[in-house]
PDB file of N, CA and C in Angstrom:
ATOM      1  N   UNK A   1       0.494  -0.447   2.656  1.00  0.00           N
ATOM      2  CA  UNK A   1       0.556  -0.573   4.093  1.00  0.00           C
ATOM      3  C   UNK A   1       1.945  -0.233   4.595  1.00  0.00           C
ATOM      4  N   UNK A   2       2.018   0.083   5.877  1.00  0.00           N
ATOM      5  CA  UNK A   2       3.280   0.378   6.528  1.00  0.00           C
ATOM      6  C   UNK A   2       3.775  -0.884   7.226  1.00  0.00           C
ATOM      7  N   UNK A   3       5.050  -1.208   7.048  1.00  0.00           N
ATOM      8  CA  UNK A   3       5.637  -2.349   7.754  1.00  0.00           C
ATOM      9  C   UNK A   3       6.207  -1.862   9.072  1.00  0.00           C
ATOM     10  N   UNK A   4       5.886  -2.560  10.169  1.00  0.00           N
ATOM     11  CA  UNK A   4       6.255  -2.106  11.507  1.00  0.00           C
ATOM     12  C   UNK A   4       7.107  -3.139  12.213  1.00  0.00           C
ATOM     13  N   UNK A   5       8.161  -2.671  12.884  1.00  0.00           N
ATOM     14  CA  UNK A   5       9.062  -3.559  13.624  1.00  0.00           C
ATOM     15  C   UNK A   5       9.256  -2.988  15.019  1.00  0.00           C
ATOM     16  N   UNK A   6       8.866  -3.763  16.024  1.00  0.00           N
ATOM     17  CA  UNK A   6       8.949  -3.305  17.406  1.00  0.00           C
ATOM     18  C   UNK A   6      10.226  -3.812  18.072  1.00  0.00           C
ATOM     19  N   UNK A   7      10.634  -3.079  19.096  1.00  0.00           N
ATOM     20  CA  UNK A   7      11.764  -3.500  19.919  1.00  0.00           C
ATOM     21  C   UNK A   7      11.633  -2.858  21.293  1.00  0.00           C
ATOM     22  N   UNK A   8      12.416  -3.365  22.246  1.00  0.00           N
ATOM     23  CA  UNK A   8      12.482  -2.730  23.552  1.00  0.00           C
ATOM     24  C   UNK A   8      11.789  -3.460  24.672  1.00  0.00           C
ATOM     25  N   UNK A   9      11.125  -4.553  24.390  1.00  0.00           N
ATOM     26  CA  UNK A   9      10.478  -5.298  25.458  1.00  0.00           C
ATOM     27  C   UNK A   9      11.496  -6.014  26.324  1.00  0.00           C
ATOM     28  N   UNK A  10      11.008  -6.613  27.406  1.00  0.00           N
ATOM     29  CA  UNK A  10      11.897  -7.354  28.287  1.00  0.00           C
ATOM     30  C   UNK A  10      11.275  -7.589  29.635  1.00  0.00           C
ATOM     31  N   UNK A  11      12.140  -7.984  30.572  1.00  0.00           N
ATOM     32  CA  UNK A  11      11.737  -8.262  31.943  1.00  0.00           C
ATOM     33  C   UNK A  11      12.170  -7.112  32.836  1.00  0.00           C
ATOM     34  N   UNK A  12      11.249  -6.625  33.642  1.00  0.00           N
ATOM     35  CA  UNK A  12      11.559  -5.507  34.534  1.00  0.00           C
ATOM     36  C   UNK A  12      10.820  -5.717  35.850  1.00  0.00           C
ATOM     37  N   UNK A  13      11.393  -5.210  36.926  1.00  0.00           N
ATOM     38  CA  UNK A  13      10.720  -5.300  38.222  1.00  0.00           C
ATOM     39  C   UNK A  13       9.627  -4.249  38.330  1.00  0.00           C
ATOM     40  N   UNK A  14       8.664  -4.532  39.158  1.00  0.00           N
ATOM     41  CA  UNK A  14       7.590  -3.573  39.408  1.00  0.00           C
ATOM     42  C   UNK A  14       8.187  -2.240  39.828  1.00  0.00           C
ATOM     43  N   UNK A  15       7.621  -1.165  39.285  1.00  0.00           N
ATOM     44  CA  UNK A  15       8.127   0.173  39.547  1.00  0.00           C
ATOM     45  C   UNK A  15       9.174   0.638  38.550  1.00  0.00           C
ATOM     46  N   UNK A  16       9.646  -0.269  37.728  1.00  0.00           N
ATOM     47  CA  UNK A  16      10.659   0.065  36.745  1.00  0.00           C
ATOM     48  C   UNK A  16      10.075   0.673  35.484  1.00  0.00           C
ATOM     49  N   UNK A  17      10.959   0.884  34.509  1.00  0.00           N
ATOM     50  CA  UNK A  17      10.582   1.542  33.254  1.00  0.00           C
ATOM     51  C   UNK A  17      11.115   0.767  32.060  1.00  0.00           C
ATOM     52  N   UNK A  18      10.409   0.902  30.956  1.00  0.00           N
ATOM     53  CA  UNK A  18      10.847   0.393  29.662  1.00  0.00           C
ATOM     54  C   UNK A  18      10.400   1.372  28.601  1.00  0.00           C
ATOM     55  N   UNK A  19      11.152   1.420  27.513  1.00  0.00           N
ATOM     56  CA  UNK A  19      10.709   2.196  26.357  1.00  0.00           C
ATOM     57  C   UNK A  19      10.650   1.274  25.155  1.00  0.00           C
ATOM     58  N   UNK A  20       9.467   1.181  24.589  1.00  0.00           N
ATOM     59  CA  UNK A  20       9.271   0.410  23.372  1.00  0.00           C
ATOM     60  C   UNK A  20       9.414   1.331  22.164  1.00  0.00           C
ATOM     61  N   UNK A  21      10.006   0.782  21.119  1.00  0.00           N
ATOM     62  CA  UNK A  21      10.143   1.512  19.862  1.00  0.00           C
ATOM     63  C   UNK A  21       9.446   0.733  18.763  1.00  0.00           C
ATOM     64  N   UNK A  22       8.944   1.459  17.803  1.00  0.00           N
ATOM     65  CA  UNK A  22       8.286   0.842  16.648  1.00  0.00           C
ATOM     66  C   UNK A  22       8.760   1.585  15.412  1.00  0.00           C
ATOM     67  N   UNK A  23       9.597   0.931  14.633  1.00  0.00           N
ATOM     68  CA  UNK A  23      10.142   1.531  13.419  1.00  0.00           C
ATOM     69  C   UNK A  23       9.265   1.168  12.240  1.00  0.00           C
ATOM     70  N   UNK A  24       8.951   2.169  11.437  1.00  0.00           N
ATOM     71  CA  UNK A  24       8.077   1.972  10.289  1.00  0.00           C
ATOM     72  C   UNK A  24       8.872   2.039   8.999  1.00  0.00           C
ATOM     73  N   UNK A  25       8.570   1.126   8.091  1.00  0.00           N
ATOM     74  CA  UNK A  25       9.164   1.131   6.762  1.00  0.00           C
ATOM     75  C   UNK A  25       8.090   1.547   5.780  1.00  0.00           C
ATOM     76  N   UNK A  26       8.371   2.607   5.025  1.00  0.00           N
ATOM     77  CA  UNK A  26       7.371   3.069   4.084  1.00  0.00           C
ATOM     78  C   UNK A  26       7.187   4.567   4.191  1.00  0.00           C
ATOM     79  N   UNK A  27       6.648   5.160   3.153  1.00  0.00           N
ATOM     80  CA  UNK A  27       6.548   6.605   3.080  1.00  0.00           C
ATOM     81  C   UNK A  27       5.292   7.156   3.723  1.00  0.00           C
ATOM     82  N   UNK A  28       4.436   6.287   4.223  1.00  0.00           N
ATOM     83  CA  UNK A  28       3.156   6.747   4.727  1.00  0.00           C
ATOM     84  C   UNK A  28       3.180   7.013   6.225  1.00  0.00           C
ATOM     85  N   UNK A  29       4.313   6.800   6.874  1.00  0.00           N
ATOM     86  CA  UNK A  29       4.343   6.905   8.327  1.00  0.00           C
ATOM     87  C   UNK A  29       3.927   8.279   8.813  1.00  0.00           C
ATOM     88  N   UNK A  30       4.438   9.324   8.202  1.00  0.00           N
ATOM     89  CA  UNK A  30       4.198  10.675   8.724  1.00  0.00           C
ATOM     90  C   UNK A  30       2.740  11.088   8.630  1.00  0.00           C
ATOM     91  N   UNK A  31       1.955  10.435   7.799  1.00  0.00           N
ATOM     92  CA  UNK A  31       0.536  10.781   7.664  1.00  0.00           C
ATOM     93  C   UNK A  31      -0.361   9.697   8.247  1.00  0.00           C
ATOM     94  N   UNK A  32       0.217   8.826   9.048  1.00  0.00           N
ATOM     95  CA  UNK A  32      -0.550   7.744   9.661  1.00  0.00           C
ATOM     96  C   UNK A  32      -0.563   7.900  11.179  1.00  0.00           C
ATOM     97  N   UNK A  33      -1.761   7.899  11.749  1.00  0.00           N
ATOM     98  CA  UNK A  33      -1.873   7.848  13.201  1.00  0.00           C
ATOM     99  C   UNK A  33      -1.370   6.493  13.683  1.00  0.00           C
ATOM    100  N   UNK A  34      -0.750   6.486  14.842  1.00  0.00           N
ATOM    101  CA  UNK A  34      -0.139   5.273  15.365  1.00  0.00           C
ATOM    102  C   UNK A  34      -0.733   4.923  16.723  1.00  0.00           C
ATOM    103  N   UNK A  35      -0.943   3.652  16.952  1.00  0.00           N
ATOM    104  CA  UNK A  35      -1.498   3.197  18.220  1.00  0.00           C
ATOM    105  C   UNK A  35      -0.661   2.105  18.839  1.00  0.00           C
ATOM    106  N   UNK A  36      -0.807   1.976  20.147  1.00  0.00           N
ATOM    107  CA  UNK A  36      -0.207   0.868  20.899  1.00  0.00           C
ATOM    108  C   UNK A  36      -1.329   0.072  21.560  1.00  0.00           C
ATOM    109  N   UNK A  37      -1.215  -1.236  21.436  1.00  0.00           N
ATOM    110  CA  UNK A  37      -2.158  -2.146  22.054  1.00  0.00           C
ATOM    111  C   UNK A  37      -1.377  -3.192  22.843  1.00  0.00           C
ATOM    112  N   UNK A  38      -2.078  -3.923  23.683  1.00  0.00           N
ATOM    113  CA  UNK A  38      -1.429  -5.017  24.385  1.00  0.00           C
ATOM    114  C   UNK A  38      -2.407  -6.173  24.542  1.00  0.00           C
ATOM    115  N   UNK A  39      -1.819  -7.349  24.708  1.00  0.00           N
ATOM    116  CA  UNK A  39      -2.643  -8.543  24.868  1.00  0.00           C
ATOM    117  C   UNK A  39      -1.962  -9.485  25.851  1.00  0.00           C
ATOM    118  N   UNK A  40      -2.641  -9.741  26.947  1.00  0.00           N
ATOM    119  CA  UNK A  40      -2.162 -10.685  27.943  1.00  0.00           C
ATOM    120  C   UNK A  40      -2.740 -12.066  27.628  1.00  0.00           C
ATOM    121  N   UNK A  41      -2.108 -13.132  28.105  1.00  0.00           N
ATOM    122  CA  UNK A  41      -2.618 -14.481  27.829  1.00  0.00           C
ATOM    123  C   UNK A  41      -4.067 -14.639  28.265  1.00  0.00           C
ATOM    124  N   UNK A  42      -4.875 -15.159  27.345  1.00  0.00           N
ATOM    125  CA  UNK A  42      -6.274 -15.386  27.646  1.00  0.00           C
ATOM    126  C   UNK A  42      -7.139 -14.148  27.656  1.00  0.00           C
ATOM    127  N   UNK A  43      -6.541 -13.009  27.315  1.00  0.00           N
ATOM    128  CA  UNK A  43      -7.282 -11.745  27.315  1.00  0.00           C
ATOM    129  C   UNK A  43      -7.418 -11.203  25.895  1.00  0.00           C
ATOM    130  N   UNK A  44      -8.378 -10.306  25.730  1.00  0.00           N
ATOM    131  CA  UNK A  44      -8.537  -9.661  24.436  1.00  0.00           C
ATOM    132  C   UNK A  44      -7.484  -8.569  24.265  1.00  0.00           C
ATOM    133  N   UNK A  45      -7.206  -8.242  23.017  1.00  0.00           N
ATOM    134  CA  UNK A  45      -6.284  -7.146  22.740  1.00  0.00           C
ATOM    135  C   UNK A  45      -6.931  -5.844  23.189  1.00  0.00           C
ATOM    136  N   UNK A  46      -6.179  -5.019  23.914  1.00  0.00           N
ATOM    137  CA  UNK A  46      -6.758  -3.787  24.439  1.00  0.00           C
ATOM    138  C   UNK A  46      -5.918  -2.580  24.067  1.00  0.00           C
ATOM    139  N   UNK A  47      -6.601  -1.473  23.935  1.00  0.00           N
ATOM    140  CA  UNK A  47      -5.972  -0.209  23.581  1.00  0.00           C
ATOM    141  C   UNK A  47      -5.147   0.311  24.745  1.00  0.00           C
ATOM    142  N   UNK A  48      -3.964   0.831  24.429  1.00  0.00           N
ATOM    143  CA  UNK A  48      -3.090   1.432  25.431  1.00  0.00           C
ATOM    144  C   UNK A  48      -2.979   2.936  25.213  1.00  0.00           C
ATOM    145  N   UNK A  49      -2.585   3.338  24.028  1.00  0.00           N
ATOM    146  CA  UNK A  49      -2.430   4.756  23.726  1.00  0.00           C
ATOM    147  C   UNK A  49      -2.234   4.946  22.237  1.00  0.00           C
ATOM    148  N   UNK A  50      -2.344   6.195  21.804  1.00  0.00           N
ATOM    149  CA  UNK A  50      -2.199   6.490  20.385  1.00  0.00           C
ATOM    150  C   UNK A  50      -1.799   7.938  20.198  1.00  0.00           C
ATOM    151  N   UNK A  51      -1.293   8.231  18.998  1.00  0.00           N
ATOM    152  CA  UNK A  51      -0.893   9.590  18.667  1.00  0.00           C
ATOM    153  C   UNK A  51      -1.363   9.902  17.265  1.00  0.00           C
ATOM    154  N   UNK A  52      -1.929  11.103  17.091  1.00  0.00           N
ATOM    155  CA  UNK A  52      -2.448  11.507  15.808  1.00  0.00           C
ATOM    156  C   UNK A  52      -1.348  11.758  14.794  1.00  0.00           C
ATOM    157  N   UNK A  53      -1.747  11.835  13.528  1.00  0.00           N
ATOM    158  CA  UNK A  53      -0.750  12.013  12.479  1.00  0.00           C
ATOM    159  C   UNK A  53      -0.460  13.484  12.215  1.00  0.00           C
ATOM    160  N   UNK A  54      -1.411  14.360  12.471  1.00  0.00           N
ATOM    161  CA  UNK A  54      -1.220  15.765  12.128  1.00  0.00           C
ATOM    162  C   UNK A  54      -0.883  16.607  13.352  1.00  0.00           C
ATOM    163  N   UNK A  55      -1.791  16.681  14.289  1.00  0.00           N
ATOM    164  CA  UNK A  55      -1.587  17.532  15.457  1.00  0.00           C
ATOM    165  C   UNK A  55      -0.758  16.858  16.524  1.00  0.00           C
ATOM    166  N   UNK A  56      -0.553  15.546  16.397  1.00  0.00           N
ATOM    167  CA  UNK A  56       0.152  14.818  17.438  1.00  0.00           C
ATOM    168  C   UNK A  56      -0.681  14.645  18.685  1.00  0.00           C
ATOM    169  N   UNK A  57      -1.991  14.793  18.530  1.00  0.00           N
ATOM    170  CA  UNK A  57      -2.879  14.641  19.684  1.00  0.00           C
ATOM    171  C   UNK A  57      -2.724  13.250  20.280  1.00  0.00           C
ATOM    172  N   UNK A  58      -2.744  13.203  21.601  1.00  0.00           N
ATOM    173  CA  UNK A  58      -2.496  11.964  22.309  1.00  0.00           C
ATOM    174  C   UNK A  58      -3.778  11.397  22.906  1.00  0.00           C
ATOM    175  N   UNK A  59      -3.841  10.086  22.932  1.00  0.00           N
ATOM    176  CA  UNK A  59      -4.981   9.373  23.500  1.00  0.00           C
ATOM    177  C   UNK A  59      -4.425   8.269  24.400  1.00  0.00           C
ATOM    178  N   UNK A  60      -5.031   8.104  25.581  1.00  0.00           N
ATOM    179  CA  UNK A  60      -4.602   7.056  26.504  1.00  0.00           C
ATOM    180  C   UNK A  60      -5.803   6.383  27.129  1.00  0.00           C
ATOM    181  N   UNK A  61      -5.617   5.125  27.457  1.00  0.00           N
ATOM    182  CA  UNK A  61      -6.622   4.463  28.260  1.00  0.00           C
ATOM    183  C   UNK A  61      -6.381   4.806  29.726  1.00  0.00           C
ATOM    184  N   UNK A  62      -7.406   4.703  30.525  1.00  0.00           N
ATOM    185  CA  UNK A  62      -7.318   5.213  31.900  1.00  0.00           C
ATOM    186  C   UNK A  62      -6.239   4.517  32.723  1.00  0.00           C
ATOM    187  N   UNK A  63      -6.028   3.237  32.480  1.00  0.00           N
ATOM    188  CA  UNK A  63      -5.132   2.521  33.380  1.00  0.00           C
ATOM    189  C   UNK A  63      -3.654   2.786  33.106  1.00  0.00           C
ATOM    190  N   UNK A  64      -3.342   3.565  32.077  1.00  0.00           N
ATOM    191  CA  UNK A  64      -1.945   3.911  31.838  1.00  0.00           C
ATOM    192  C   UNK A  64      -1.694   5.415  31.905  1.00  0.00           C
ATOM    193  N   UNK A  65      -2.739   6.188  32.085  1.00  0.00           N
ATOM    194  CA  UNK A  65      -2.555   7.640  32.174  1.00  0.00           C
ATOM    195  C   UNK A  65      -1.596   7.988  33.295  1.00  0.00           C
ATOM    196  N   UNK A  66      -0.739   8.945  33.042  1.00  0.00           N
ATOM    197  CA  UNK A  66       0.265   9.435  33.988  1.00  0.00           C
ATOM    198  C   UNK A  66       1.399   8.446  34.209  1.00  0.00           C
ATOM    199  N   UNK A  67       1.356   7.295  33.537  1.00  0.00           N
ATOM    200  CA  UNK A  67       2.466   6.343  33.626  1.00  0.00           C
ATOM    201  C   UNK A  67       3.124   6.116  32.268  1.00  0.00           C
ATOM    202  N   UNK A  68       2.331   6.062  31.216  1.00  0.00           N
ATOM    203  CA  UNK A  68       2.832   5.769  29.878  1.00  0.00           C
ATOM    204  C   UNK A  68       2.756   7.028  29.020  1.00  0.00           C
ATOM    205  N   UNK A  69       3.690   7.159  28.096  1.00  0.00           N
ATOM    206  CA  UNK A  69       3.704   8.292  27.173  1.00  0.00           C
ATOM    207  C   UNK A  69       3.996   7.797  25.762  1.00  0.00           C
ATOM    208  N   UNK A  70       3.133   8.196  24.833  1.00  0.00           N
ATOM    209  CA  UNK A  70       3.347   7.900  23.420  1.00  0.00           C
ATOM    210  C   UNK A  70       3.960   9.120  22.751  1.00  0.00           C
ATOM    211  N   UNK A  71       4.945   8.892  21.914  1.00  0.00           N
ATOM    212  CA  UNK A  71       5.537   9.987  21.147  1.00  0.00           C
ATOM    213  C   UNK A  71       5.951   9.448  19.784  1.00  0.00           C
ATOM    214  N   UNK A  72       6.257  10.365  18.879  1.00  0.00           N
ATOM    215  CA  UNK A  72       6.689   9.939  17.543  1.00  0.00           C
ATOM    216  C   UNK A  72       7.768  10.870  17.047  1.00  0.00           C
ATOM    217  N   UNK A  73       8.630  10.325  16.210  1.00  0.00           N
ATOM    218  CA  UNK A  73       9.683  11.091  15.544  1.00  0.00           C
ATOM    219  C   UNK A  73       9.538  10.792  14.061  1.00  0.00           C
ATOM    220  N   UNK A  74       8.910  11.699  13.344  1.00  0.00           N
ATOM    221  CA  UNK A  74       8.657  11.438  11.919  1.00  0.00           C
ATOM    222  C   UNK A  74       9.950  11.407  11.103  1.00  0.00           C
ATOM    223  N   UNK A  75      10.962  12.105  11.565  1.00  0.00           N
ATOM    224  CA  UNK A  75      12.245  12.080  10.850  1.00  0.00           C
ATOM    225  C   UNK A  75      12.886  10.698  10.914  1.00  0.00           C
ATOM    226  N   UNK A  76      12.575   9.960  11.976  1.00  0.00           N
ATOM    227  CA  UNK A  76      13.121   8.617  12.144  1.00  0.00           C
ATOM    228  C   UNK A  76      12.100   7.530  11.841  1.00  0.00           C
ATOM    229  N   UNK A  77      10.896   7.941  11.416  1.00  0.00           N
ATOM    230  CA  UNK A  77       9.833   6.968  11.136  1.00  0.00           C
ATOM    231  C   UNK A  77       9.614   6.025  12.320  1.00  0.00           C
ATOM    232  N   UNK A  78       9.597   6.580  13.509  1.00  0.00           N
ATOM    233  CA  UNK A  78       9.518   5.754  14.709  1.00  0.00           C
ATOM    234  C   UNK A  78       8.505   6.330  15.691  1.00  0.00           C
ATOM    235  N   UNK A  79       7.758   5.433  16.317  1.00  0.00           N
ATOM    236  CA  UNK A  79       6.859   5.804  17.403  1.00  0.00           C
ATOM    237  C   UNK A  79       7.333   5.075  18.658  1.00  0.00           C
ATOM    238  N   UNK A  80       7.154   5.741  19.790  1.00  0.00           N
ATOM    239  CA  UNK A  80       7.669   5.220  21.045  1.00  0.00           C
ATOM    240  C   UNK A  80       6.545   5.061  22.078  1.00  0.00           C
ATOM    241  N   UNK A  81       6.758   4.150  22.988  1.00  0.00           N
ATOM    242  CA  UNK A  81       5.896   4.021  24.152  1.00  0.00           C
ATOM    243  C   UNK A  81       6.801   3.962  25.383  1.00  0.00           C
ATOM    244  N   UNK A  82       6.850   5.075  26.111  1.00  0.00           N
ATOM    245  CA  UNK A  82       7.611   5.131  27.342  1.00  0.00           C
ATOM    246  C   UNK A  82       6.715   4.660  28.481  1.00  0.00           C
ATOM    247  N   UNK A  83       7.166   3.646  29.188  1.00  0.00           N
ATOM    248  CA  UNK A  83       6.352   3.050  30.259  1.00  0.00           C
ATOM    249  C   UNK A  83       7.087   3.201  31.583  1.00  0.00           C
ATOM    250  N   UNK A  84       6.492   3.936  32.500  1.00  0.00           N
ATOM    251  CA  UNK A  84       7.056   4.148  33.827  1.00  0.00           C
ATOM    252  C   UNK A  84       6.151   3.537  34.886  1.00  0.00           C
ATOM    253  N   UNK A  85       6.702   3.369  36.068  1.00  0.00           N
ATOM    254  CA  UNK A  85       5.929   2.828  37.205  1.00  0.00           C
ATOM    255  C   UNK A  85       5.189   1.557  36.811  1.00  0.00           C
ATOM    256  N   UNK A  86       5.899   0.662  36.174  1.00  0.00           N
ATOM    257  CA  UNK A  86       5.263  -0.553  35.664  1.00  0.00           C
ATOM    258  C   UNK A  86       4.749  -1.431  36.793  1.00  0.00           C
ATOM    259  N   UNK A  87       3.648  -2.097  36.501  1.00  0.00           N
ATOM    260  CA  UNK A  87       2.986  -2.975  37.455  1.00  0.00           C
ATOM    261  C   UNK A  87       2.917  -4.392  36.868  1.00  0.00           C
ATOM    262  N   UNK A  88       2.826  -5.407  37.724  1.00  0.00           N
ATOM    263  CA  UNK A  88       2.711  -6.772  37.180  1.00  0.00           C
ATOM    264  C   UNK A  88       1.544  -6.931  36.216  1.00  0.00           C
ATOM    265  N   UNK A  89       0.472  -6.199  36.422  1.00  0.00           N
ATOM    266  CA  UNK A  89      -0.678  -6.300  35.521  1.00  0.00           C
ATOM    267  C   UNK A  89      -0.433  -5.671  34.164  1.00  0.00           C
ATOM    268  N   UNK A  90       0.704  -5.012  33.985  1.00  0.00           N
ATOM    269  CA  UNK A  90       1.090  -4.496  32.668  1.00  0.00           C
ATOM    270  C   UNK A  90       1.744  -5.579  31.810  1.00  0.00           C
ATOM    271  N   UNK A  91       1.973  -6.741  32.376  1.00  0.00           N
ATOM    272  CA  UNK A  91       2.588  -7.839  31.626  1.00  0.00           C
ATOM    273  C   UNK A  91       1.703  -8.252  30.456  1.00  0.00           C
ATOM    274  N   UNK A  92       2.280  -8.243  29.260  1.00  0.00           N
ATOM    275  CA  UNK A  92       1.526  -8.548  28.044  1.00  0.00           C
ATOM    276  C   UNK A  92       2.473  -8.485  26.856  1.00  0.00           C
ATOM    277  N   UNK A  93       1.962  -8.906  25.717  1.00  0.00           N
ATOM    278  CA  UNK A  93       2.643  -8.623  24.450  1.00  0.00           C
ATOM    279  C   UNK A  93       2.117  -7.283  23.961  1.00  0.00           C
ATOM    280  N   UNK A  94       3.028  -6.394  23.645  1.00  0.00           N
ATOM    281  CA  UNK A  94       2.672  -5.053  23.194  1.00  0.00           C
ATOM    282  C   UNK A  94       2.868  -4.949  21.688  1.00  0.00           C
ATOM    283  N   UNK A  95       1.872  -4.362  21.033  1.00  0.00           N
ATOM    284  CA  UNK A  95       1.879  -4.219  19.589  1.00  0.00           C
ATOM    285  C   UNK A  95       1.744  -2.747  19.210  1.00  0.00           C
ATOM    286  N   UNK A  96       2.470  -2.341  18.188  1.00  0.00           N
ATOM    287  CA  UNK A  96       2.175  -1.046  17.587  1.00  0.00           C
ATOM    288  C   UNK A  96       1.372  -1.290  16.313  1.00  0.00           C
ATOM    289  N   UNK A  97       0.619  -0.277  15.929  1.00  0.00           N
ATOM    290  CA  UNK A  97      -0.260  -0.415  14.775  1.00  0.00           C
ATOM    291  C   UNK A  97      -0.413   0.931  14.093  1.00  0.00           C
ATOM    292  N   UNK A  98      -0.676   0.886  12.805  1.00  0.00           N
ATOM    293  CA  UNK A  98      -0.828   2.096  12.004  1.00  0.00           C
ATOM    294  C   UNK A  98      -2.231   2.169  11.413  1.00  0.00           C
ATOM    295  N   UNK A  99      -2.787   3.367  11.481  1.00  0.00           N
ATOM    296  CA  UNK A  99      -4.063   3.607  10.814  1.00  0.00           C
ATOM    297  C   UNK A  99      -3.825   3.843   9.327  1.00  0.00           C
ATOM    298  N   UNK A 100      -4.868   3.796   8.553  1.00  0.00           N
ATOM    299  CA  UNK A 100      -4.783   4.239   7.171  1.00  0.00           C
ATOM    300  C   UNK A 100      -4.438   5.727   7.184  1.00  0.00           C
ATOM    301  N   UNK A 101      -3.791   6.231   6.141  1.00  0.00           N
ATOM    302  CA  UNK A 101      -3.359   7.623   6.126  1.00  0.00           C
ATOM    303  C   UNK A 101      -4.500   8.619   6.315  1.00  0.00           C
ATOM    304  N   UNK A 102      -4.179   9.712   6.975  1.00  0.00           N
ATOM    305  CA  UNK A 102      -5.052  10.868   7.119  1.00  0.00           C
ATOM    306  C   UNK A 102      -6.301  10.594   7.954  1.00  0.00           C
ATOM    307  N   UNK A 103      -6.247   9.590   8.793  1.00  0.00           N
ATOM    308  CA  UNK A 103      -7.354   9.280   9.695  1.00  0.00           C
ATOM    309  C   UNK A 103      -6.847   9.357  11.119  1.00  0.00           C
ATOM    310  N   UNK A 104      -7.617   9.987  11.986  1.00  0.00           N
ATOM    311  CA  UNK A 104      -7.206  10.106  13.383  1.00  0.00           C
ATOM    312  C   UNK A 104      -7.301   8.748  14.081  1.00  0.00           C
ATOM    313  N   UNK A 105      -6.589   8.602  15.195  1.00  0.00           N
ATOM    314  CA  UNK A 105      -6.537   7.288  15.856  1.00  0.00           C
ATOM    315  C   UNK A 105      -7.903   6.818  16.339  1.00  0.00           C
ATOM    316  N   UNK A 106      -8.077   5.541  16.290  1.00  0.00           N
ATOM    317  CA  UNK A 106      -9.260   4.897  16.847  1.00  0.00           C
ATOM    318  C   UNK A 106      -8.845   4.050  18.048  1.00  0.00           C
ATOM    319  N   UNK A 107      -9.814   3.743  18.882  1.00  0.00           N
ATOM    320  CA  UNK A 107      -9.515   2.984  20.097  1.00  0.00           C
ATOM    321  C   UNK A 107      -9.754   1.491  19.926  1.00  0.00           C
ATOM    322  N   UNK A 108     -10.250   1.104  18.786  1.00  0.00           N
ATOM    323  CA  UNK A 108     -10.590  -0.296  18.520  1.00  0.00           C
ATOM    324  C   UNK A 108      -9.542  -0.886  17.587  1.00  0.00           C
ATOM    325  N   UNK A 109      -8.988  -2.024  17.960  1.00  0.00           N
ATOM    326  CA  UNK A 109      -7.867  -2.564  17.216  1.00  0.00           C
ATOM    327  C   UNK A 109      -8.236  -2.960  15.793  1.00  0.00           C
ATOM    328  N   UNK A 110      -9.469  -3.281  15.560  1.00  0.00           N
ATOM    329  CA  UNK A 110      -9.881  -3.701  14.215  1.00  0.00           C
ATOM    330  C   UNK A 110      -9.846  -2.554  13.209  1.00  0.00           C
ATOM    331  N   UNK A 111      -9.711  -1.311  13.680  1.00  0.00           N
ATOM    332  CA  UNK A 111      -9.669  -0.158  12.780  1.00  0.00           C
ATOM    333  C   UNK A 111      -8.269   0.081  12.223  1.00  0.00           C
ATOM    334  N   UNK A 112      -7.273  -0.629  12.721  1.00  0.00           N
ATOM    335  CA  UNK A 112      -5.902  -0.386  12.306  1.00  0.00           C
ATOM    336  C   UNK A 112      -5.530  -1.270  11.120  1.00  0.00           C
ATOM    337  N   UNK A 113      -4.707  -0.704  10.253  1.00  0.00           N
ATOM    338  CA  UNK A 113      -4.386  -1.352   8.974  1.00  0.00           C
ATOM    339  C   UNK A 113      -3.147  -2.236   9.060  1.00  0.00           C
ATOM    340  N   UNK A 114      -2.130  -1.786   9.771  1.00  0.00           N
ATOM    341  CA  UNK A 114      -0.850  -2.503   9.805  1.00  0.00           C
ATOM    342  C   UNK A 114      -0.446  -2.754  11.240  1.00  0.00           C
ATOM    343  N   UNK A 115       0.240  -3.893  11.454  1.00  0.00           N
ATOM    344  CA  UNK A 115       0.628  -4.295  12.799  1.00  0.00           C
ATOM    345  C   UNK A 115       2.083  -4.752  12.842  1.00  0.00           C
ATOM    346  N   UNK A 116       2.717  -4.476  13.985  1.00  0.00           N
ATOM    347  CA  UNK A 116       4.020  -5.056  14.241  1.00  0.00           C
ATOM    348  C   UNK A 116       3.875  -6.482  14.735  1.00  0.00           C
ATOM    349  N   UNK A 117       5.020  -7.110  14.960  1.00  0.00           N
ATOM    350  CA  UNK A 117       5.026  -8.519  15.360  1.00  0.00           C
ATOM    351  C   UNK A 117       4.777  -8.700  16.855  1.00  0.00           C
ATOM    352  N   UNK A 118       4.872  -7.626  17.616  1.00  0.00           N
ATOM    353  CA  UNK A 118       4.664  -7.703  19.059  1.00  0.00           C
ATOM    354  C   UNK A 118       5.967  -7.878  19.809  1.00  0.00           C
ATOM    355  N   UNK A 119       6.016  -7.327  21.008  1.00  0.00           N
ATOM    356  CA  UNK A 119       7.181  -7.489  21.866  1.00  0.00           C
ATOM    357  C   UNK A 119       6.692  -7.766  23.289  1.00  0.00           C
ATOM    358  N   UNK A 120       7.317  -8.739  23.936  1.00  0.00           N
ATOM    359  CA  UNK A 120       6.875  -9.174  25.259  1.00  0.00           C
ATOM    360  C   UNK A 120       7.392  -8.230  26.331  1.00  0.00           C
ATOM    361  N   UNK A 121       6.495  -7.818  27.207  1.00  0.00           N
ATOM    362  CA  UNK A 121       6.854  -7.053  28.397  1.00  0.00           C
ATOM    363  C   UNK A 121       6.409  -7.860  29.615  1.00  0.00           C
ATOM    364  N   UNK A 122       7.344  -8.154  30.483  1.00  0.00           N
ATOM    365  CA  UNK A 122       7.041  -8.919  31.689  1.00  0.00           C
ATOM    366  C   UNK A 122       7.479  -8.109  32.900  1.00  0.00           C
ATOM    367  N   UNK A 123       6.542  -7.884  33.808  1.00  0.00           N
ATOM    368  CA  UNK A 123       6.825  -7.107  35.012  1.00  0.00           C
ATOM    369  C   UNK A 123       6.712  -8.038  36.212  1.00  0.00           C
ATOM    370  N   UNK A 124       7.814  -8.191  36.918  1.00  0.00           N
ATOM    371  CA  UNK A 124       7.821  -9.075  38.085  1.00  0.00           C
ATOM    372  C   UNK A 124       7.495  -8.290  39.351  1.00  0.00           C
ATOM    373  N   UNK A 125       6.866  -8.981  40.293  1.00  0.00           N
ATOM    374  CA  UNK A 125       6.479  -8.317  41.548  1.00  0.00           C
ATOM    375  C   UNK A 125       7.591  -8.395  42.585  1.00  0.00           C
TER     376      UNK A 125
END
């Protein structure tokens, strides 16, 4: 499995931006699709976005399209989530996750093999 460590969360005003980083330890990062999920209190974990391992194909859920961008730097073993135009409803703990190698991203969190510890994002109105 890939070990994942997230950073970059915090408190931001509505309309602001944050960039989350997820550093991976292990040699399997470059062949693993990566996903971002979030979970608000009392809510189920939900898919935010993902990036493929080979083509870098991107996947987003509708409520973050045109606001959030997923990218990866295989040389740095890091995946990013750039979040712009943040809204109070974006407040949640954000998690990065890794698929098993050579499999394209899935939208269901139970399909992911490895998880980071989560980072809190709070958007004030």
